[in-house]
C-alpha atoms as a PDB file:
ATOM      1  CA  MET A   1     133.861 137.069 141.390  1.00  0.00           C
ATOM      2  CA  LYS A   2     132.163 139.753 139.027  1.00  0.00           C
ATOM      3  CA  GLN A   3     134.877 142.012 138.304  1.00  0.00           C
ATOM      4  CA  ASP A   4     134.362 146.333 138.944  1.00  0.00           C
ATOM      5  CA  THR A   5     134.009 148.123 135.193  1.00  0.00           C
ATOM      6  CA  TYR A   6     136.146 151.171 134.822  1.00  0.00           C
ATOM      7  CA  HIS A   7     136.130 154.243 132.660  1.00  0.00           C
ATOM      8  CA  CYS A   8     139.350 155.051 131.029  1.00  0.00           C
ATOM      9  CA  VAL A   9     140.334 157.766 128.945  1.00  0.00           C
ATOM     10  CA  LEU A  10     143.617 158.645 127.004  1.00  0.00           C
ATOM     11  CA  THR A  11     144.709 161.678 125.396  1.00  0.00           C
ATOM     12  CA  MET A  12     147.306 161.594 122.868  1.00  0.00           C
ATOM     13  CA  GLN A  13     148.715 164.193 120.065  1.00  0.00           C
ATOM     14  CA  LYS A  14     151.720 163.466 117.834  1.00  0.00           C
ATOM     15  CA  THR A  15     153.729 166.671 115.118  1.00  0.00           C
ATOM     16  CA  THR A  16     155.697 165.930 112.286  1.00  0.00           C
ATOM     17  CA  HIS A  17     156.364 168.070 109.542  1.00  0.00           C
ATOM     18  CA  GLY A  18     154.193 170.711 111.174  1.00  0.00           C
ATOM     19  CA  GLU A  19     150.893 168.722 111.271  1.00  0.00           C
ATOM     20  CA  THR A  20     149.576 167.709 114.892  1.00  0.00           C
ATOM     21  CA  ALA A  21     147.253 164.853 115.130  1.00  0.00           C
ATOM     22  CA  LEU A  22     145.578 164.993 118.589  1.00  0.00           C
ATOM     23  CA  GLY A  23     142.980 162.066 120.078  1.00  0.00           C
ATOM     24  CA  THR A  24     141.166 160.432 122.546  1.00  0.00           C
ATOM     25  CA  PHE A  25     140.015 157.252 123.934  1.00  0.00           C
ATOM     26  CA  SER A  26     137.380 157.347 126.098  1.00  0.00           C
ATOM     27  CA  ASP A  27     135.355 153.839 126.879  1.00  0.00           C
ATOM     28  CA  THR A  28     134.722 151.745 129.730  1.00  0.00           C
ATOM     29  CA  ILE A  29     136.423 148.307 130.716  1.00  0.00           C
ATOM     30  CA  ASN A  30     135.760 144.683 132.180  1.00  0.00           C
ATOM     31  CA  PRO A  31     139.385 143.974 133.102  1.00  0.00           C
ATOM     32  CA  ALA A  32     140.115 140.250 132.885  1.00  0.00           C
ATOM     33  CA  PRO A  33     141.143 138.894 135.676  1.00  0.00           C
ATOM     34  CA  GLY A  34     145.224 139.114 136.403  1.00  0.00           C
ATOM     35  CA  MET A  35     145.107 142.835 134.062  1.00  0.00           C
ATOM     36  CA  THR A  36     147.134 145.763 135.737  1.00  0.00           C
ATOM     37  CA  ARG A  37     146.825 149.456 135.147  1.00  0.00           C
ATOM     38  CA  ALA A  38     149.950 148.964 132.398  1.00  0.00           C
ATOM     39  CA  ASP A  39     147.853 146.104 130.601  1.00  0.00           C
ATOM     40  CA  ILE A  40     144.512 148.788 130.301  1.00  0.00           C
ATOM     41  CA  PHE A  41     147.062 151.643 129.373  1.00  0.00           C
ATOM     42  CA  ASN A  42     148.654 149.759 126.597  1.00  0.00           C
ATOM     43  CA  LEU A  43     144.907 148.602 125.689  1.00  0.00           C
ATOM     44  CA  ALA A  44     143.827 151.940 125.193  1.00  0.00           C
ATOM     45  CA  ILE A  45     146.836 153.380 123.319  1.00  0.00           C
ATOM     46  CA  THR A  46     146.177 150.294 120.922  1.00  0.00           C
ATOM     47  CA  GLN A  47     142.571 150.908 120.723  1.00  0.00           C
ATOM     48  CA  LEU A  48     143.024 155.502 119.733  1.00  0.00           C
ATOM     49  CA  THR A  49     146.089 153.803 117.499  1.00  0.00           C
ATOM     50  CA  ARG A  50     144.233 151.193 115.840  1.00  0.00           C
ATOM     51  CA  HIS A  51     141.474 154.167 115.194  1.00  0.00           C
ATOM     52  CA  GLN A  52     143.424 157.311 114.353  1.00  0.00           C
ATOM     53  CA  PRO A  53     146.989 155.758 113.529  1.00  0.00           C
ATOM     54  CA  ALA A  54     149.142 159.175 112.901  1.00  0.00           C
ATOM     55  CA  LEU A  55     149.002 159.229 116.803  1.00  0.00           C
ATOM     56  CA  THR A  56     151.170 156.194 116.341  1.00  0.00           C
ATOM     57  CA  GLY A  57     154.675 156.599 118.603  1.00  0.00           C
ATOM     58  CA  GLY A  58     152.529 160.476 119.842  1.00  0.00           C
ATOM     59  CA  ALA A  59     152.733 161.587 123.227  1.00  0.00           C
ATOM     60  CA  VAL A  60     150.488 160.667 125.950  1.00  0.00           C
ATOM     61  CA  LEU A  61     149.242 163.666 127.553  1.00  0.00           C
ATOM     62  CA  PHE A  62     146.096 162.360 129.759  1.00  0.00           C
ATOM     63  CA  PHE A  63     145.616 159.442 131.296  1.00  0.00           C
ATOM     64  CA  ALA A  64     143.003 158.729 133.483  1.00  0.00           C
ATOM     65  CA  LEU A  65     141.893 155.394 134.975  1.00  0.00           C
ATOM     66  CA  ASP A  66     138.561 155.181 137.657  1.00  0.00           C
ATOM     67  CA  LYS A  67     136.261 152.750 138.854  1.00  0.00           C
ATOM     68  CA  ASN A  68     132.687 153.768 136.925  1.00  0.00           C
ATOM     69  CA  GLN A  69     130.071 154.268 139.519  1.00  0.00           C
ATOM     70  CA  LEU A  70     129.650 156.652 141.500  1.00  0.00           C
END
């Protein structure tokens, strides 16, 4: 059975030494069978911090995961 496609948005911020890093991950995801919402949340954090290492250990300001279907 084909899994639904989801749209995921995650925004993070981290302030250190008076400097603030802010970034957003936004993409569609086709979860593998058995993946949970928490798995996708962690995947989004991993993807965002891979592209913006300054956000590692930062605070999540926003997370949304919805079916990518109108």
